[in-house]
Amino acid sequence: AAPGESAEELDNRSLEEILASIPPPPPPAMSSEPGAPRLMITHIVNRNFKSYAGEQILGPFHK
């Protein structure tokens, strides 16, 4: 780099330009609409998971 130049490149955009370049936030992952169907995990089936040989069933979770 030439003398007097910093290692970082300067951003000469205005604050409005910087703020306009930020994308909108993503939609929420979950909605809590009344009456909407919900995902219910009733049990989990593990097959040869870590030290558990064979099939292990975890659950029920809905009780």
N, C-alpha and C. Protein backbone atom coordinates (compact mmCIF):
# COMPACT_ATOMS: atom_id res chain seq x y z
N ALA A 1 0.84 -1.19 0.00
CA ALA A 1 0.00 0.00 0.00
C ALA A 1 0.87 1.24 0.00
N ALA A 2 0.37 2.27 -0.61
CA ALA A 2 1.12 3.53 -0.67
C ALA A 2 1.12 4.20 0.69
N PRO A 3 2.12 5.04 0.96
CA PRO A 3 2.15 5.73 2.27
C PRO A 3 0.88 6.55 2.48
N GLY A 4 0.34 6.50 3.69
CA GLY A 4 -0.87 7.25 4.01
C GLY A 4 -2.16 6.50 3.75
N GLU A 5 -2.11 5.35 3.05
CA GLU A 5 -3.31 4.56 2.80
C GLU A 5 -3.49 3.54 3.91
N SER A 6 -4.73 3.33 4.32
CA SER A 6 -4.98 2.31 5.35
C SER A 6 -5.19 0.96 4.67
N ALA A 7 -5.08 -0.09 5.46
CA ALA A 7 -5.26 -1.44 4.92
C ALA A 7 -6.72 -1.69 4.57
N GLU A 8 -7.65 -0.94 5.21
CA GLU A 8 -9.08 -1.12 4.95
C GLU A 8 -9.52 -0.15 3.87
N GLU A 9 -10.44 -0.58 3.02
CA GLU A 9 -10.97 0.29 1.99
C GLU A 9 -12.09 1.12 2.59
N LEU A 10 -12.09 2.42 2.33
CA LEU A 10 -13.11 3.30 2.87
C LEU A 10 -14.42 3.12 2.11
N ASP A 11 -15.54 3.19 2.85
CA ASP A 11 -16.86 3.10 2.25
C ASP A 11 -17.41 4.52 2.17
N ASN A 12 -17.53 5.06 0.97
CA ASN A 12 -17.95 6.45 0.79
C ASN A 12 -19.45 6.59 0.57
N ARG A 13 -20.22 5.52 0.81
CA ARG A 13 -21.67 5.60 0.64
C ARG A 13 -22.28 6.41 1.78
N SER A 14 -23.42 7.04 1.50
CA SER A 14 -24.13 7.78 2.54
C SER A 14 -24.86 6.78 3.44
N LEU A 15 -25.28 7.25 4.59
CA LEU A 15 -26.01 6.39 5.52
C LEU A 15 -27.28 5.86 4.87
N GLU A 16 -27.97 6.70 4.10
CA GLU A 16 -29.20 6.27 3.43
C GLU A 16 -28.91 5.14 2.44
N GLU A 17 -27.79 5.26 1.69
CA GLU A 17 -27.43 4.20 0.74
C GLU A 17 -27.11 2.90 1.46
N ILE A 18 -26.42 3.01 2.58
CA ILE A 18 -26.07 1.80 3.34
C ILE A 18 -27.34 1.15 3.89
N LEU A 19 -28.23 1.96 4.47
CA LEU A 19 -29.46 1.41 5.04
C LEU A 19 -30.36 0.82 3.96
N ALA A 20 -30.38 1.43 2.77
CA ALA A 20 -31.21 0.91 1.67
C ALA A 20 -30.67 -0.41 1.14
N SER A 21 -29.38 -0.69 1.35
CA SER A 21 -28.80 -1.93 0.83
C SER A 21 -29.01 -3.12 1.77
N ILE A 22 -29.55 -2.88 2.97
CA ILE A 22 -29.80 -3.98 3.92
C ILE A 22 -31.09 -4.68 3.52
N PRO A 23 -31.07 -6.00 3.31
CA PRO A 23 -32.29 -6.71 2.91
C PRO A 23 -33.30 -6.76 4.05
N PRO A 24 -34.58 -6.95 3.74
CA PRO A 24 -35.59 -7.04 4.80
C PRO A 24 -35.39 -8.32 5.61
N PRO A 25 -35.86 -8.35 6.86
CA PRO A 25 -35.69 -9.55 7.67
C PRO A 25 -36.51 -10.71 7.10
N PRO A 26 -36.08 -11.95 7.33
CA PRO A 26 -36.85 -13.10 6.85
C PRO A 26 -38.16 -13.23 7.62
N PRO A 27 -39.15 -13.92 7.05
CA PRO A 27 -40.41 -14.11 7.77
C PRO A 27 -40.17 -14.97 9.02
N PRO A 28 -41.01 -14.83 10.02
CA PRO A 28 -40.82 -15.64 11.24
C PRO A 28 -40.95 -17.13 10.94
N ALA A 29 -40.20 -17.94 11.68
CA ALA A 29 -40.20 -19.38 11.46
C ALA A 29 -41.52 -20.01 11.89
N MET A 30 -42.13 -19.46 12.92
CA MET A 30 -43.40 -20.01 13.41
C MET A 30 -44.43 -18.89 13.47
N SER A 31 -45.66 -19.24 13.18
CA SER A 31 -46.75 -18.30 13.37
C SER A 31 -47.70 -18.89 14.39
N SER A 32 -48.32 -18.04 15.15
CA SER A 32 -49.23 -18.54 16.19
C SER A 32 -50.66 -18.14 15.85
N GLU A 33 -51.06 -18.49 14.62
CA GLU A 33 -52.42 -18.18 14.20
C GLU A 33 -53.38 -19.13 14.90
N PRO A 34 -54.46 -18.62 15.46
CA PRO A 34 -55.42 -19.51 16.12
C PRO A 34 -56.05 -20.49 15.11
N GLY A 35 -56.12 -21.74 15.48
CA GLY A 35 -56.73 -22.76 14.63
C GLY A 35 -55.82 -23.32 13.56
N ALA A 36 -54.59 -22.82 13.45
CA ALA A 36 -53.67 -23.32 12.43
C ALA A 36 -53.14 -24.69 12.85
N PRO A 37 -52.89 -25.60 11.89
CA PRO A 37 -52.35 -26.91 12.26
C PRO A 37 -50.94 -26.77 12.83
N ARG A 38 -50.61 -27.65 13.78
CA ARG A 38 -49.31 -27.60 14.43
C ARG A 38 -48.59 -28.93 14.23
N LEU A 39 -47.27 -28.85 14.14
CA LEU A 39 -46.45 -30.05 14.05
C LEU A 39 -46.34 -30.65 15.44
N MET A 40 -46.68 -31.93 15.59
CA MET A 40 -46.61 -32.60 16.88
C MET A 40 -45.65 -33.78 16.75
N ILE A 41 -44.55 -33.75 17.47
CA ILE A 41 -43.61 -34.87 17.48
C ILE A 41 -44.09 -35.84 18.55
N THR A 42 -44.50 -37.02 18.12
CA THR A 42 -45.03 -38.00 19.08
C THR A 42 -43.95 -38.94 19.58
N HIS A 43 -42.99 -39.26 18.71
CA HIS A 43 -41.88 -40.12 19.12
C HIS A 43 -40.73 -39.96 18.12
N ILE A 44 -39.55 -40.39 18.54
CA ILE A 44 -38.36 -40.35 17.69
C ILE A 44 -37.79 -41.76 17.62
N VAL A 45 -37.47 -42.21 16.41
CA VAL A 45 -36.88 -43.53 16.21
C VAL A 45 -35.40 -43.33 15.87
N ASN A 46 -34.53 -43.84 16.74
CA ASN A 46 -33.08 -43.78 16.50
C ASN A 46 -32.60 -45.14 16.04
N ARG A 47 -31.87 -45.16 14.95
CA ARG A 47 -31.29 -46.42 14.45
C ARG A 47 -29.77 -46.32 14.52
N ASN A 48 -29.16 -47.19 15.31
CA ASN A 48 -27.70 -47.23 15.48
C ASN A 48 -27.13 -45.85 15.80
N PHE A 49 -27.77 -45.17 16.73
CA PHE A 49 -27.33 -43.82 17.12
C PHE A 49 -26.27 -43.92 18.19
N LYS A 50 -25.08 -43.43 17.90
CA LYS A 50 -23.92 -43.43 18.80
C LYS A 50 -23.73 -44.82 19.38
N SER A 51 -23.80 -44.97 20.70
CA SER A 51 -23.52 -46.28 21.30
C SER A 51 -24.77 -47.15 21.42
N TYR A 52 -25.92 -46.67 20.96
CA TYR A 52 -27.15 -47.46 21.04
C TYR A 52 -27.29 -48.30 19.78
N ALA A 53 -26.98 -49.57 19.86
CA ALA A 53 -27.08 -50.45 18.69
C ALA A 53 -28.54 -50.76 18.42
N GLY A 54 -28.87 -50.95 17.16
CA GLY A 54 -30.22 -51.31 16.78
C GLY A 54 -31.14 -50.10 16.79
N GLU A 55 -32.43 -50.37 17.01
CA GLU A 55 -33.45 -49.33 16.95
C GLU A 55 -33.93 -48.99 18.36
N GLN A 56 -33.88 -47.72 18.71
CA GLN A 56 -34.37 -47.25 20.00
C GLN A 56 -35.48 -46.24 19.73
N ILE A 57 -36.61 -46.39 20.42
CA ILE A 57 -37.74 -45.48 20.24
C ILE A 57 -37.84 -44.60 21.48
N LEU A 58 -37.81 -43.29 21.26
CA LEU A 58 -37.96 -42.32 22.34
C LEU A 58 -39.36 -41.75 22.29
N GLY A 59 -40.02 -41.71 23.42
CA GLY A 59 -41.36 -41.15 23.46
C GLY A 59 -42.30 -42.11 24.14
N PRO A 60 -43.55 -41.83 24.22
CA PRO A 60 -44.28 -40.75 23.56
C PRO A 60 -44.05 -39.40 24.24
N PHE A 61 -44.10 -38.34 23.46
CA PHE A 61 -43.89 -36.99 23.96
C PHE A 61 -45.19 -36.22 24.15
N HIS A 62 -46.29 -36.73 23.65
CA HIS A 62 -47.54 -35.97 23.65
C HIS A 62 -48.36 -36.13 24.92
N LYS A 63 -47.90 -36.91 25.89
CA LYS A 63 -48.69 -37.13 27.11
C LYS A 63 -48.32 -36.16 28.20
